[in-house]
């Protein structure tokens, strides 16, 4: 509440107005003391002390048009001046022009309601019909109080968006306006971040703390070094990896590369023999072949085997070169095919190094084995087999092989190889007897030409 001034609270008469220019500083220079300044009314006007209009005003700025009175007003003797006596300059106030149609326009005063106040409408206003120029898909707005993020609303079914319907049936129902389930809090947070996509802004790198003392620097450098256990485990791991690689290379060499090399050498030896025979060259006398020297070719039509036969069963000179070796040394010496009686015994690898006898276990009684020499073709017929025997059982290659079923001397053939596959623990034996001897001049036997 604003307190009343003494001149208006009715408790005393109005205090006389002090003369213009009075005060501690005195009147301004160039004006007589006590002279009334022309700008006094404008400078000392106070709306709290201005009396109500009574028909006559002492203010020099009062105009008759403001009060509707035609009483004469005192004339201003001098133009208004400021406190220092300088003539005050006032810029004219320009009132913006008001269009004539709005200058006199007035809002109509509503008529008072004399009747009873109508009751509010109980039913809500009907929903507006669909706009034909806009899509009829409904996108409910879902507010998330936790993240206040936008949601991608599920569009209405295509059938409702494309099929024509009446305005009544196209209005959205409560089920259409219901928001789609958003799952739990984690799903809502993922949706607010953009459906779970990672932010493109990379994470700030973690800057390690700078050690403040020399001891801390030594401890930090020691922590960065690997412990002896870690170094030892790494060395052991590298050793095992190296061994694994070496084993893999060795298996590849044994199972693949040895076969490649053996096939090349055996094929070269067979072609050399055939070329020499075609040119009419003579081999050494029977039984006088040097160890490792090829002197014949064995044909097993059922197994598609065509391999040269060399003298001896040396592993490095004969067998590892992909050839079949003839038992011809010491106590293991056997007869040649041209002998009238005897056992022509042969040995060959079942696995690796050309593996010429790998599938001799598939030979059955009656299958043919042909031995080709420079002068003749010798055809043998398989009669029996021994699935497994000791490597020291040399009786299987005797002139009358033990266990073959033969009881008297004859012209036989014996094929021996290792078993089981990829091992040399035991020996497998196949026997046969000669059924045909044909000179080369009469052509190849029927076993090689049939089929």
Protein backbone atom coordinates (compact mmCIF):
# COMPACT_ATOMS: atom_id res chain seq x y z
CA UNK A 1 0.00 0.00 0.00
CA UNK A 2 1.31 3.43 -0.98
CA UNK A 3 1.26 5.98 1.82
CA UNK A 4 -0.55 9.27 1.18
CA UNK A 5 1.42 12.44 1.04
CA UNK A 6 0.84 15.12 3.70
CA UNK A 7 -0.82 17.45 1.28
CA UNK A 8 -3.49 14.88 0.39
CA UNK A 9 -4.25 12.98 3.54
CA UNK A 10 -6.52 15.79 4.87
CA UNK A 11 -4.59 16.31 8.05
CA UNK A 12 -3.24 19.71 7.03
CA UNK A 13 -3.15 22.26 4.33
CA UNK A 14 -1.14 21.76 1.24
CA UNK A 15 2.42 22.85 1.69
CA UNK A 16 3.39 25.87 -0.35
CA UNK A 17 5.31 25.01 -3.42
CA UNK A 18 8.94 25.99 -3.21
CA UNK A 19 10.04 28.59 -5.71
CA UNK A 20 11.56 27.37 -8.96
CA UNK A 21 15.22 27.04 -8.87
CA UNK A 22 15.51 27.00 -5.07
CA UNK A 23 17.71 24.40 -3.51
CA UNK A 24 21.20 23.91 -2.36
CA UNK A 25 22.56 24.67 -5.78
CA UNK A 26 20.43 27.84 -6.28
CA UNK A 27 18.87 29.02 -9.47
CA UNK A 28 20.58 28.35 -12.71
CA UNK A 29 22.89 30.90 -14.15
CA UNK A 30 21.24 33.64 -16.23
CA UNK A 31 17.85 33.58 -14.50
CA UNK A 32 16.61 35.75 -11.60
CA UNK A 33 15.86 34.03 -8.39
CA UNK A 34 12.17 33.31 -7.84
CA UNK A 35 11.27 33.59 -11.55
CA UNK A 36 8.89 30.88 -12.60
CA UNK A 37 10.27 28.74 -15.33
CA UNK A 38 8.11 27.88 -18.28
CA UNK A 39 8.76 24.14 -17.99
CA UNK A 40 7.84 23.79 -14.34
CA UNK A 41 4.48 22.12 -14.77
CA UNK A 42 5.87 19.50 -17.13
CA UNK A 43 8.92 18.86 -14.93
CA UNK A 44 7.10 18.67 -11.55
CA UNK A 45 3.97 16.89 -12.66
CA UNK A 46 3.15 13.95 -10.45
CA UNK A 47 0.02 11.87 -10.99
CA UNK A 48 -0.17 11.17 -7.23
CA UNK A 49 -0.34 14.88 -6.33
CA UNK A 50 -2.32 16.22 -9.29
CA UNK A 51 -5.79 17.37 -8.03
CA UNK A 52 -8.95 16.34 -9.79
CA UNK A 53 -10.10 18.69 -12.58
CA UNK A 54 -12.35 21.52 -11.23
CA UNK A 55 -12.93 23.48 -14.38
CA UNK A 56 -9.84 25.61 -14.20
CA UNK A 57 -6.27 24.33 -14.39
CA UNK A 58 -3.07 26.08 -13.71
CA UNK A 59 -1.10 23.62 -15.84
CA UNK A 60 0.14 25.35 -19.00
CA UNK A 61 -0.17 22.03 -20.91
CA UNK A 62 -3.86 21.48 -20.25
CA UNK A 63 -6.10 21.76 -23.33
CA UNK A 64 -9.73 22.53 -23.42
CA UNK A 65 -10.48 19.79 -25.92
CA UNK A 66 -9.37 17.28 -23.30
CA UNK A 67 -11.94 18.34 -20.73
CA UNK A 68 -14.71 19.60 -22.94
CA UNK A 69 -14.57 23.06 -21.29
CA UNK A 70 -14.30 26.28 -23.25
CA UNK A 71 -12.77 28.28 -20.41
CA UNK A 72 -9.81 30.39 -21.49
CA UNK A 73 -6.40 28.92 -20.75
CA UNK A 74 -3.37 30.82 -19.70
CA UNK A 75 -1.00 31.52 -22.54
CA UNK A 76 2.53 30.23 -22.46
CA UNK A 77 4.85 33.16 -22.31
CA UNK A 78 8.09 31.35 -23.13
CA UNK A 79 8.84 28.05 -24.83
CA UNK A 80 9.65 25.20 -22.42
CA UNK A 81 13.19 25.04 -21.19
CA UNK A 82 15.22 22.43 -19.36
CA UNK A 83 16.87 22.68 -15.98
CA UNK A 84 19.89 24.50 -17.38
CA UNK A 85 17.82 27.05 -19.23
CA UNK A 86 18.24 25.60 -22.66
CA UNK A 87 15.21 25.51 -24.94
CA UNK A 88 13.71 22.03 -24.94
CA UNK A 89 13.22 20.38 -28.29
CA UNK A 90 10.32 17.95 -28.61
CA UNK A 91 9.71 15.78 -31.59
CA UNK A 92 6.12 15.63 -32.78
CA UNK A 93 4.22 12.44 -32.00
CA UNK A 94 2.99 10.81 -35.15
CA UNK A 95 -0.12 8.72 -34.69
CA UNK A 96 -0.40 5.85 -37.19
CA UNK A 97 -3.28 6.12 -39.57
CA UNK A 98 -6.22 3.87 -38.79
CA UNK A 99 -8.24 2.50 -41.70
CA UNK A 100 -11.72 4.00 -41.79
CA UNK A 101 -13.39 0.59 -41.72
CA UNK A 102 -11.68 -0.37 -38.45
CA UNK A 103 -11.66 3.06 -36.83
CA UNK A 104 -15.35 2.96 -36.09
CA UNK A 105 -15.64 -0.82 -35.82
CA UNK A 106 -16.76 -2.01 -32.43
CA UNK A 107 -17.30 -5.49 -31.15
CA UNK A 108 -20.98 -6.12 -30.62
CA UNK A 109 -22.02 -6.45 -27.02
CA UNK A 110 -23.49 -9.90 -26.49
CA UNK A 111 -27.06 -9.93 -25.30
CA UNK A 112 -27.60 -11.27 -21.82
CA UNK A 113 -29.04 -14.78 -21.53
CA UNK A 114 -32.52 -14.52 -20.10
CA UNK A 115 -33.57 -18.18 -20.43
CA UNK A 116 -32.28 -21.24 -18.60
CA UNK A 117 -28.70 -22.34 -19.26
CA UNK A 118 -28.66 -25.33 -21.64
CA UNK A 119 -27.27 -28.60 -20.37
CA UNK A 120 -23.85 -29.68 -21.78
CA UNK A 121 -23.88 -32.19 -24.58
CA UNK A 122 -23.53 -35.66 -23.15
CA UNK A 123 -22.22 -37.37 -26.30
CA UNK A 124 -18.83 -36.40 -27.75
CA UNK A 125 -18.60 -34.70 -31.08
CA UNK A 126 -18.41 -37.15 -33.99
CA UNK A 127 -15.00 -37.85 -35.40
CA UNK A 128 -14.34 -36.01 -38.66
CA UNK A 129 -14.49 -38.11 -41.81
CA UNK A 130 -11.39 -39.08 -43.74
CA UNK A 131 -9.82 -36.63 -46.08
CA UNK A 132 -9.87 -38.15 -49.60
CA UNK A 133 -6.66 -36.27 -50.48
CA UNK A 134 -4.75 -37.75 -47.56
CA UNK A 135 -3.76 -41.27 -46.63
CA UNK A 136 -6.18 -43.24 -44.48
CA UNK A 137 -3.36 -44.86 -42.48
CA UNK A 138 -3.58 -44.23 -38.75
CA UNK A 139 -0.38 -43.35 -36.92
CA UNK A 140 -1.01 -43.34 -33.18
CA UNK A 141 1.10 -40.94 -31.15
CA UNK A 142 2.65 -42.58 -28.13
CA UNK A 143 4.15 -40.58 -25.35
CA UNK A 144 6.98 -42.10 -23.41
CA UNK A 145 7.26 -40.44 -20.02
CA UNK A 146 10.76 -41.79 -19.56
CA UNK A 147 12.46 -40.77 -22.79
CA UNK A 148 9.84 -38.53 -24.45
CA UNK A 149 11.02 -39.89 -27.78
CA UNK A 150 9.23 -40.41 -31.04
CA UNK A 151 7.94 -43.79 -32.06
CA UNK A 152 7.45 -45.33 -35.50
CA UNK A 153 3.81 -46.29 -35.53
CA UNK A 154 2.64 -49.35 -37.39
CA UNK A 155 0.74 -48.50 -40.54
CA UNK A 156 -2.81 -49.69 -41.04
CA UNK A 157 -3.34 -52.90 -43.05
CA UNK A 158 -3.05 -52.52 -46.82
CA UNK A 159 -6.59 -53.79 -47.31
CA UNK A 160 -8.06 -50.97 -45.26
CA UNK A 161 -5.85 -48.40 -47.03
CA UNK A 162 -6.75 -49.45 -50.55
CA UNK A 163 -10.28 -50.85 -50.35
CA UNK A 164 -13.05 -48.20 -50.64
CA UNK A 165 -15.28 -47.89 -47.62
CA UNK A 166 -18.04 -45.68 -46.38
CA UNK A 167 -17.29 -42.66 -44.13
CA UNK A 168 -18.87 -44.45 -41.18
CA UNK A 169 -16.74 -47.55 -41.55
CA UNK A 170 -13.49 -45.61 -42.25
CA UNK A 171 -13.53 -43.78 -38.94
CA UNK A 172 -10.81 -45.05 -36.62
CA UNK A 173 -11.96 -47.22 -33.76
CA UNK A 174 -10.54 -47.67 -30.29
CA UNK A 175 -8.53 -50.68 -31.50
CA UNK A 176 -7.00 -48.58 -34.30
CA UNK A 177 -6.12 -45.76 -31.94
CA UNK A 178 -4.53 -48.15 -29.40
CA UNK A 179 -0.73 -47.90 -29.45
CA UNK A 180 1.29 -50.90 -30.53
CA UNK A 181 2.95 -52.83 -27.69
CA UNK A 182 6.47 -51.57 -27.16
CA UNK A 183 7.75 -54.28 -24.81
CA UNK A 184 9.76 -53.53 -21.68
CA UNK A 185 11.95 -50.67 -20.68
CA UNK A 186 14.97 -51.96 -22.59
CA UNK A 187 12.97 -52.14 -25.84
CA UNK A 188 11.68 -48.62 -25.37
CA UNK A 189 15.17 -47.31 -24.79
CA UNK A 190 16.43 -49.08 -27.92
CA UNK A 191 13.58 -47.58 -29.92
CA UNK A 192 14.40 -44.12 -28.62
CA UNK A 193 18.03 -44.55 -29.75
CA UNK A 194 17.02 -45.56 -33.25
CA UNK A 195 15.87 -49.20 -33.03
CA UNK A 196 18.99 -50.45 -31.35
CA UNK A 197 21.49 -49.15 -33.88
CA UNK A 198 24.87 -48.21 -32.58
CA UNK A 199 25.77 -44.57 -32.44
CA UNK A 200 28.03 -43.36 -35.23
CA UNK A 201 30.01 -41.24 -32.76
CA UNK A 202 33.13 -43.17 -31.80
CA UNK A 203 33.90 -43.65 -28.15
CA UNK A 204 36.47 -41.36 -26.65
CA UNK A 205 39.87 -43.04 -26.29
CA UNK A 206 40.96 -43.88 -22.80
CA UNK A 207 44.13 -41.96 -21.99
CA UNK A 208 46.27 -43.81 -19.46
CA UNK A 209 47.34 -41.93 -16.42
CA UNK A 210 50.83 -40.49 -16.53
CA UNK A 211 53.02 -41.90 -13.74
CA UNK A 212 54.04 -39.20 -11.30
CA UNK A 213 57.10 -40.87 -9.82
CA UNK A 214 59.92 -43.03 -11.09
CA UNK A 215 58.71 -45.97 -9.04
CA UNK A 216 55.26 -45.76 -10.59
CA UNK A 217 56.84 -45.63 -14.06
CA UNK A 218 58.86 -48.78 -13.30
CA UNK A 219 55.81 -50.59 -11.98
CA UNK A 220 53.80 -49.58 -15.05
CA UNK A 221 56.56 -50.78 -17.41
CA UNK A 222 56.84 -54.05 -15.48
CA UNK A 223 53.06 -54.55 -15.68
CA UNK A 224 53.21 -54.18 -19.47
CA UNK A 225 55.77 -56.97 -19.78
CA UNK A 226 54.61 -60.58 -20.10
CA UNK A 227 55.21 -62.92 -17.22
CA UNK A 228 57.46 -66.00 -17.63
CA UNK A 229 54.40 -68.25 -17.53
CA UNK A 230 52.81 -66.39 -20.43
CA UNK A 231 56.04 -66.53 -22.44
CA UNK A 232 56.42 -70.26 -21.75
CA UNK A 233 52.81 -70.99 -22.73
CA UNK A 234 53.26 -69.06 -25.96
CA UNK A 235 56.45 -70.97 -26.78
CA UNK A 236 54.78 -74.32 -26.10
CA UNK A 237 51.80 -73.32 -28.22
CA UNK A 238 54.04 -72.31 -31.11
CA UNK A 239 55.93 -75.62 -30.83
CA UNK A 240 52.71 -77.62 -30.97
CA UNK A 241 51.45 -75.58 -33.91
CA UNK A 242 54.73 -76.16 -35.75
CA UNK A 243 54.57 -79.89 -35.04
CA UNK A 244 50.99 -80.02 -36.27
CA UNK A 245 51.96 -78.28 -39.49
CA UNK A 246 54.88 -80.65 -39.98
CA UNK A 247 52.68 -83.68 -39.38
CA UNK A 248 50.16 -82.40 -41.88
CA UNK A 249 52.88 -81.89 -44.45
CA UNK A 250 54.27 -85.37 -43.78
CA UNK A 251 50.87 -87.02 -44.20
CA UNK A 252 50.32 -85.08 -47.41
CA UNK A 253 53.71 -86.21 -48.67
CA UNK A 254 53.11 -89.87 -47.79
CA UNK A 255 49.55 -90.16 -49.08
CA UNK A 256 49.74 -88.00 -52.15
CA UNK A 257 53.18 -86.92 -53.28
CA UNK A 258 54.80 -90.38 -52.99
CA UNK A 259 52.11 -91.80 -55.24
CA UNK A 260 52.69 -89.06 -57.78
CA UNK A 261 56.42 -89.66 -57.88
CA UNK A 262 56.09 -93.48 -57.91
CA UNK A 263 53.59 -93.43 -60.76
CA UNK A 264 55.92 -91.26 -62.79
CA UNK A 265 58.91 -93.54 -62.25
CA UNK A 266 56.95 -96.77 -62.84
CA UNK A 267 55.37 -95.41 -65.99
CA UNK A 268 58.76 -94.34 -67.28
CA UNK A 269 60.25 -97.79 -66.61
CA UNK A 270 57.36 -99.57 -68.34
CA UNK A 271 57.64 -97.39 -71.44
CA UNK A 272 61.40 -97.96 -71.57
CA UNK A 273 60.89 -101.73 -71.47
CA UNK A 274 58.24 -101.67 -74.19
CA UNK A 275 60.38 -99.41 -76.42
CA UNK A 276 63.37 -101.69 -75.95
CA UNK A 277 61.32 -104.77 -76.80
CA UNK A 278 59.86 -103.07 -79.86
CA UNK A 279 63.33 -102.25 -81.14
CA UNK A 280 64.41 -105.89 -80.80
CA UNK A 281 66.86 -105.38 -77.94
CA UNK A 282 67.79 -108.35 -75.80
CA UNK A 283 67.59 -108.44 -72.02
CA UNK A 284 70.02 -110.30 -69.82
CA UNK A 285 69.69 -114.00 -69.42
CA UNK A 286 66.97 -115.14 -67.03
CA UNK A 287 68.12 -114.87 -63.43
CA UNK A 288 70.95 -112.50 -64.31
CA UNK A 289 69.08 -109.23 -63.84
CA UNK A 290 70.64 -106.66 -61.56
CA UNK A 291 68.78 -105.61 -58.41
CA UNK A 292 66.33 -102.88 -59.29
CA UNK A 293 66.40 -103.66 -63.00
CA UNK A 294 63.00 -104.01 -64.68
CA UNK A 295 62.50 -107.13 -66.78
CA UNK A 296 58.72 -107.70 -67.06
CA UNK A 297 55.30 -106.01 -66.75
CA UNK A 298 52.39 -107.34 -64.67
CA UNK A 299 48.78 -106.77 -65.79
CA UNK A 300 45.78 -107.19 -63.45
CA UNK A 301 42.79 -106.30 -65.69
CA UNK A 302 40.21 -106.36 -62.88
CA UNK A 303 42.15 -103.77 -60.86
CA UNK A 304 43.42 -101.82 -63.91
CA UNK A 305 47.02 -102.35 -62.80
CA UNK A 306 49.94 -102.15 -65.28
CA UNK A 307 53.22 -102.01 -63.35
CA UNK A 308 56.81 -103.06 -64.22
CA UNK A 309 58.45 -105.94 -62.35
CA UNK A 310 61.99 -105.40 -61.09
CA UNK A 311 64.55 -107.77 -59.66
CA UNK A 312 64.65 -107.84 -55.86
CA UNK A 313 62.36 -106.56 -53.11
CA UNK A 314 64.48 -103.62 -51.97
CA UNK A 315 62.31 -100.91 -50.50
CA UNK A 316 64.35 -97.98 -51.78
CA UNK A 317 65.39 -99.37 -55.18
CA UNK A 318 62.21 -101.18 -56.18
CA UNK A 319 59.11 -100.91 -53.99
CA UNK A 320 59.29 -97.15 -53.20
CA UNK A 321 59.67 -96.44 -56.91
CA UNK A 322 56.19 -97.85 -57.61
CA UNK A 323 57.36 -101.17 -59.07
CA UNK A 324 56.62 -104.76 -58.05
CA UNK A 325 59.64 -106.72 -56.74
CA UNK A 326 60.56 -110.32 -57.47
CA UNK A 327 61.84 -112.47 -54.56
CA UNK A 328 65.27 -113.38 -55.96
CA UNK A 329 67.83 -113.14 -53.17
CA UNK A 330 69.06 -115.67 -50.61
CA UNK A 331 66.52 -117.90 -48.95
CA UNK A 332 63.72 -115.85 -50.53
CA UNK A 333 64.76 -116.66 -54.07
CA UNK A 334 61.89 -117.94 -56.26
CA UNK A 335 61.53 -119.17 -59.85
CA UNK A 336 61.06 -117.05 -62.97
CA UNK A 337 57.86 -117.29 -65.09
CA UNK A 338 59.72 -119.17 -67.82
CA UNK A 339 60.68 -122.02 -65.44
CA UNK A 340 58.98 -125.36 -66.06
CA UNK A 341 58.10 -125.68 -62.36
CA UNK A 342 58.29 -123.27 -59.45
CA UNK A 343 56.60 -120.37 -57.70
CA UNK A 344 56.95 -116.89 -59.19
CA UNK A 345 56.57 -114.76 -55.99
CA UNK A 346 56.09 -110.96 -56.09
CA UNK A 347 55.80 -108.15 -53.46
CA UNK A 348 54.34 -104.66 -53.71
CA UNK A 349 53.08 -101.75 -51.61
CA UNK A 350 49.43 -101.65 -50.60
CA UNK A 351 49.51 -97.99 -49.57
CA UNK A 352 51.70 -95.07 -50.69
CA UNK A 353 54.53 -95.15 -53.24
CA UNK A 354 52.28 -96.07 -56.12
CA UNK A 355 50.31 -98.71 -54.08
CA UNK A 356 50.08 -101.29 -56.95
CA UNK A 357 48.63 -104.06 -54.68
CA UNK A 358 46.17 -101.90 -52.74
CA UNK A 359 43.06 -103.77 -53.89
CA UNK A 360 44.32 -107.33 -54.32
CA UNK A 361 41.93 -108.32 -51.53
CA UNK A 362 39.14 -107.85 -54.11
CA UNK A 363 40.51 -110.59 -56.39
CA UNK A 364 38.33 -113.68 -56.55
CA UNK A 365 38.81 -117.19 -57.89
CA UNK A 366 39.03 -117.16 -61.66
CA UNK A 367 40.37 -113.60 -62.02
CA UNK A 368 43.33 -113.35 -64.40
CA UNK A 369 46.86 -112.05 -63.81
CA UNK A 370 49.13 -111.63 -66.90
CA UNK A 371 52.93 -111.30 -66.80
CA UNK A 372 54.41 -109.77 -69.97
CA UNK A 373 58.08 -110.39 -70.81
CA UNK A 374 60.22 -109.66 -73.84
CA UNK A 375 59.31 -112.99 -75.49
CA UNK A 376 56.06 -114.29 -73.99
CA UNK A 377 52.76 -113.60 -72.19
CA UNK A 378 52.11 -115.75 -69.08
CA UNK A 379 48.53 -115.90 -67.89
CA UNK A 380 47.69 -117.00 -64.30
CA UNK A 381 44.29 -117.68 -62.72
CA UNK A 382 43.59 -116.81 -59.06
CA UNK A 383 42.81 -119.92 -57.00
CA UNK A 384 43.10 -119.01 -53.31
CA UNK A 385 44.09 -116.31 -50.80
CA UNK A 386 45.30 -115.84 -47.25
CA UNK A 387 43.86 -112.79 -45.52
CA UNK A 388 46.52 -112.46 -42.85
CA UNK A 389 49.80 -114.08 -41.83
CA UNK A 390 53.03 -113.21 -40.07
CA UNK A 391 55.76 -111.37 -42.01
CA UNK A 392 58.18 -114.18 -41.07
CA UNK A 393 56.03 -116.90 -42.69
CA UNK A 394 58.22 -117.56 -45.71
CA UNK A 395 56.52 -120.87 -46.45
CA UNK A 396 53.92 -119.06 -48.54
CA UNK A 397 56.52 -118.47 -51.29
CA UNK A 398 57.97 -121.99 -51.40
CA UNK A 399 57.86 -123.95 -54.71
CA UNK A 400 54.71 -125.62 -53.36
CA UNK A 401 53.21 -122.85 -51.19
CA UNK A 402 51.93 -123.89 -47.80
CA UNK A 403 48.27 -123.01 -47.32
CA UNK A 404 47.59 -122.43 -51.01
CA UNK A 405 45.89 -125.77 -51.56
CA UNK A 406 48.51 -126.95 -54.05
CA UNK A 407 49.86 -130.43 -53.31
CA UNK A 408 52.40 -131.00 -56.04
CA UNK A 409 54.93 -128.93 -57.99
CA UNK A 410 53.62 -126.68 -60.75
CA UNK A 411 53.88 -123.27 -62.28
CA UNK A 412 52.44 -120.93 -59.66
CA UNK A 413 52.34 -117.19 -58.84
CA UNK A 414 52.24 -115.59 -55.38
CA UNK A 415 51.34 -111.93 -54.63
CA UNK A 416 52.21 -110.55 -51.18
CA UNK A 417 51.48 -107.18 -49.58
CA UNK A 418 51.03 -105.51 -46.17
CA UNK A 419 47.82 -105.61 -44.13
CA UNK A 420 45.86 -103.89 -42.58
CA UNK A 421 46.01 -100.78 -44.74
CA UNK A 422 48.56 -98.13 -43.83
CA UNK A 423 50.39 -100.62 -41.60
CA UNK A 424 52.96 -103.41 -42.04
CA UNK A 425 51.94 -105.60 -39.14
CA UNK A 426 50.85 -108.61 -41.20
CA UNK A 427 50.99 -109.93 -44.75
CA UNK A 428 48.18 -110.74 -47.20
CA UNK A 429 48.78 -113.49 -49.77
CA UNK A 430 47.05 -114.34 -53.09
CA UNK A 431 47.93 -117.47 -55.11
CA UNK A 432 47.31 -118.45 -58.70
CA UNK A 433 48.36 -121.08 -61.26
CA UNK A 434 49.47 -120.69 -64.85
CA UNK A 435 46.75 -121.42 -67.42
CA UNK A 436 48.28 -120.03 -70.62
CA UNK A 437 51.67 -119.24 -72.14
CA UNK A 438 51.67 -117.29 -75.41
CA UNK A 439 54.59 -115.93 -77.45
CA UNK A 440 54.49 -112.22 -78.23
CA UNK A 441 54.43 -113.05 -81.93
CA UNK A 442 50.90 -114.48 -81.53
CA UNK A 443 49.58 -111.27 -79.99
CA UNK A 444 48.16 -110.48 -76.58
CA UNK A 445 46.16 -113.09 -74.69
CA UNK A 446 42.40 -112.98 -74.38
CA UNK A 447 42.60 -111.70 -70.78
CA UNK A 448 44.06 -108.40 -72.06
CA UNK A 449 41.87 -108.02 -75.14
CA UNK A 450 38.50 -108.92 -73.61
CA UNK A 451 36.35 -106.00 -72.45
